[in-house]
Amino acid sequence: MELRDAFGHHFADRANATQRDINELFRIGRWSLAIGLAILITCLLFAHVVVGALFVNPLRRLLEESLLILGWVANWRPLEIFLYDWWPLVRRRDLYRRISKAAIETRAVVQSESGAAACQDG
């Protein structure tokens, strides 16, 4: 009976650890998103106000587009976290939860005189 309990507890602990990993990933994602949005807003404002007022030559368009790209690239990681990175962790957590609730059957192995192993239900 101890082996069955240990098996269930082990995988329940793994599920809890994976849930903590998910929580940490979302915490990092929220911070990354806040930083990324601040950079995006700053880049958009800078492109609209400063570059628009200072430059009236062909470089103006290049600077505006560069700032826009920088703003969106700053949001790459948070979008990756919220769109893709959490799915494998949730699948793993759910698998550990299912395994922790699995019915475990133990059998005793008896060595015969001929050297062959035979299972006995226990």
Protein backbone atom coordinates (compact mmCIF):
# COMPACT_ATOMS: atom_id res chain seq x y z
CA MET A 1 0.00 0.00 0.00
CA GLU A 2 2.93 2.38 0.69
CA LEU A 3 4.20 2.02 -2.88
CA ARG A 4 0.78 2.96 -4.25
CA ASP A 5 0.60 6.03 -2.03
CA ALA A 6 4.16 7.05 -2.88
CA PHE A 7 3.41 6.74 -6.60
CA GLY A 8 0.30 8.91 -6.30
CA HIS A 9 2.05 11.50 -4.13
CA HIS A 10 5.04 11.69 -6.47
CA PHE A 11 2.93 12.54 -9.51
CA ALA A 12 0.66 14.87 -7.53
CA ASP A 13 3.82 16.73 -6.45
CA ARG A 14 4.99 16.85 -10.09
CA ALA A 15 1.59 18.28 -11.09
CA ASN A 16 1.86 20.93 -8.38
CA ALA A 17 5.41 21.83 -9.44
CA THR A 18 4.27 22.17 -13.05
CA GLN A 19 1.39 24.41 -11.92
CA ARG A 20 3.94 26.60 -10.16
CA ASP A 21 5.91 26.73 -13.42
CA ILE A 22 2.75 27.84 -15.25
CA ASN A 23 2.10 30.54 -12.66
CA GLU A 24 5.71 31.76 -12.95
CA LEU A 25 5.50 31.79 -16.75
CA PHE A 26 2.35 33.93 -16.64
CA ARG A 27 3.96 36.26 -14.08
CA ILE A 28 6.93 36.73 -16.40
CA GLY A 29 4.50 37.17 -19.31
CA ARG A 30 2.61 39.94 -17.51
CA TRP A 31 5.83 41.82 -16.71
CA SER A 32 7.11 41.33 -20.25
CA LEU A 33 3.81 42.55 -21.66
CA ALA A 34 3.85 45.66 -19.47
CA ILE A 35 7.40 46.47 -20.59
CA GLY A 36 6.63 45.66 -24.22
CA LEU A 37 3.52 47.84 -24.31
CA ALA A 38 5.40 50.73 -22.68
CA ILE A 39 8.10 50.42 -25.35
CA LEU A 40 5.48 50.18 -28.13
CA ILE A 41 3.64 53.30 -26.91
CA THR A 42 6.92 55.19 -26.54
CA CYS A 43 8.04 54.20 -30.03
CA LEU A 44 4.70 55.17 -31.58
CA LEU A 45 4.67 58.54 -29.82
CA PHE A 46 8.31 59.17 -30.68
CA ALA A 47 7.70 58.23 -34.34
CA HIS A 48 4.63 60.43 -34.58
CA VAL A 49 5.73 63.51 -32.66
CA VAL A 50 9.52 63.76 -32.72
CA VAL A 51 10.37 62.21 -36.06
CA GLY A 52 7.42 63.91 -37.75
CA ALA A 53 8.45 67.33 -36.48
CA LEU A 54 12.20 67.06 -36.95
CA PHE A 55 12.71 65.30 -40.24
CA VAL A 56 11.31 66.27 -43.61
CA ASN A 57 13.53 64.11 -45.80
CA PRO A 58 13.57 60.48 -46.99
CA LEU A 59 15.01 59.35 -43.64
CA ARG A 60 11.76 60.29 -41.92
CA ARG A 61 9.90 57.26 -43.28
CA LEU A 62 12.82 54.96 -42.42
CA LEU A 63 12.94 56.19 -38.81
CA GLU A 64 9.16 55.92 -38.39
CA GLU A 65 9.07 52.36 -39.68
CA SER A 66 12.14 51.39 -37.62
CA LEU A 67 10.52 52.67 -34.43
CA LEU A 68 7.28 50.84 -35.26
CA ILE A 69 9.18 47.58 -35.82
CA LEU A 70 11.12 48.06 -32.58
CA GLY A 71 7.86 48.57 -30.68
CA TRP A 72 6.35 45.35 -32.02
CA VAL A 73 9.52 43.31 -31.55
CA ALA A 74 9.49 44.35 -27.88
CA ASN A 75 6.15 42.50 -27.61
CA TRP A 76 7.36 39.32 -29.30
CA ARG A 77 8.18 37.41 -26.10
CA PRO A 78 5.00 38.24 -24.16
CA LEU A 79 2.88 37.27 -27.16
CA GLU A 80 4.84 34.03 -27.48
CA ILE A 81 4.23 33.28 -23.79
CA PHE A 82 0.50 33.96 -23.90
CA LEU A 83 -0.13 32.29 -27.26
CA TYR A 84 2.13 29.21 -27.23
CA ASP A 85 4.47 28.56 -24.29
CA TRP A 86 1.88 27.60 -21.68
CA TRP A 87 0.14 24.81 -23.64
CA PRO A 88 2.85 22.13 -23.17
CA LEU A 89 3.03 22.87 -19.45
CA VAL A 90 -0.74 22.49 -19.05
CA ARG A 91 -0.69 19.18 -20.94
CA ARG A 92 2.15 17.90 -18.72
CA ARG A 93 0.36 19.05 -15.55
CA ASP A 94 -2.85 17.32 -16.62
CA LEU A 95 -0.94 14.13 -17.45
CA TYR A 96 0.68 14.12 -14.00
CA ARG A 97 -2.73 14.64 -12.39
CA ARG A 98 -4.20 11.69 -14.30
CA ILE A 99 -1.23 9.47 -13.43
CA SER A 100 -1.44 10.44 -9.75
CA LYS A 101 -5.03 9.14 -9.65
CA ALA A 102 -4.29 5.93 -11.53
CA ALA A 103 -5.13 2.62 -9.89
CA ILE A 104 -1.86 0.84 -9.08
CA GLU A 105 -1.72 -2.92 -8.93
CA THR A 106 1.26 -4.65 -7.34
CA ARG A 107 2.28 -8.24 -7.91
CA ALA A 108 4.83 -10.33 -6.07
CA VAL A 109 7.47 -12.05 -8.18
CA VAL A 110 8.36 -15.54 -7.03
CA GLN A 111 11.55 -17.24 -8.20
CA SER A 112 10.98 -20.91 -9.00
CA GLU A 113 13.60 -23.66 -8.62
CA SER A 114 14.20 -23.70 -12.37
CA GLY A 115 15.14 -20.02 -12.28
CA ALA A 116 12.02 -18.77 -14.04
CA ALA A 117 10.14 -15.87 -12.50
CA ALA A 118 6.41 -16.12 -11.97
CA CYS A 119 4.00 -13.41 -10.91
CA GLN A 120 1.52 -13.85 -8.13
CA ASP A 121 -1.31 -11.38 -7.61
CA GLY A 122 -0.82 -9.40 -4.44
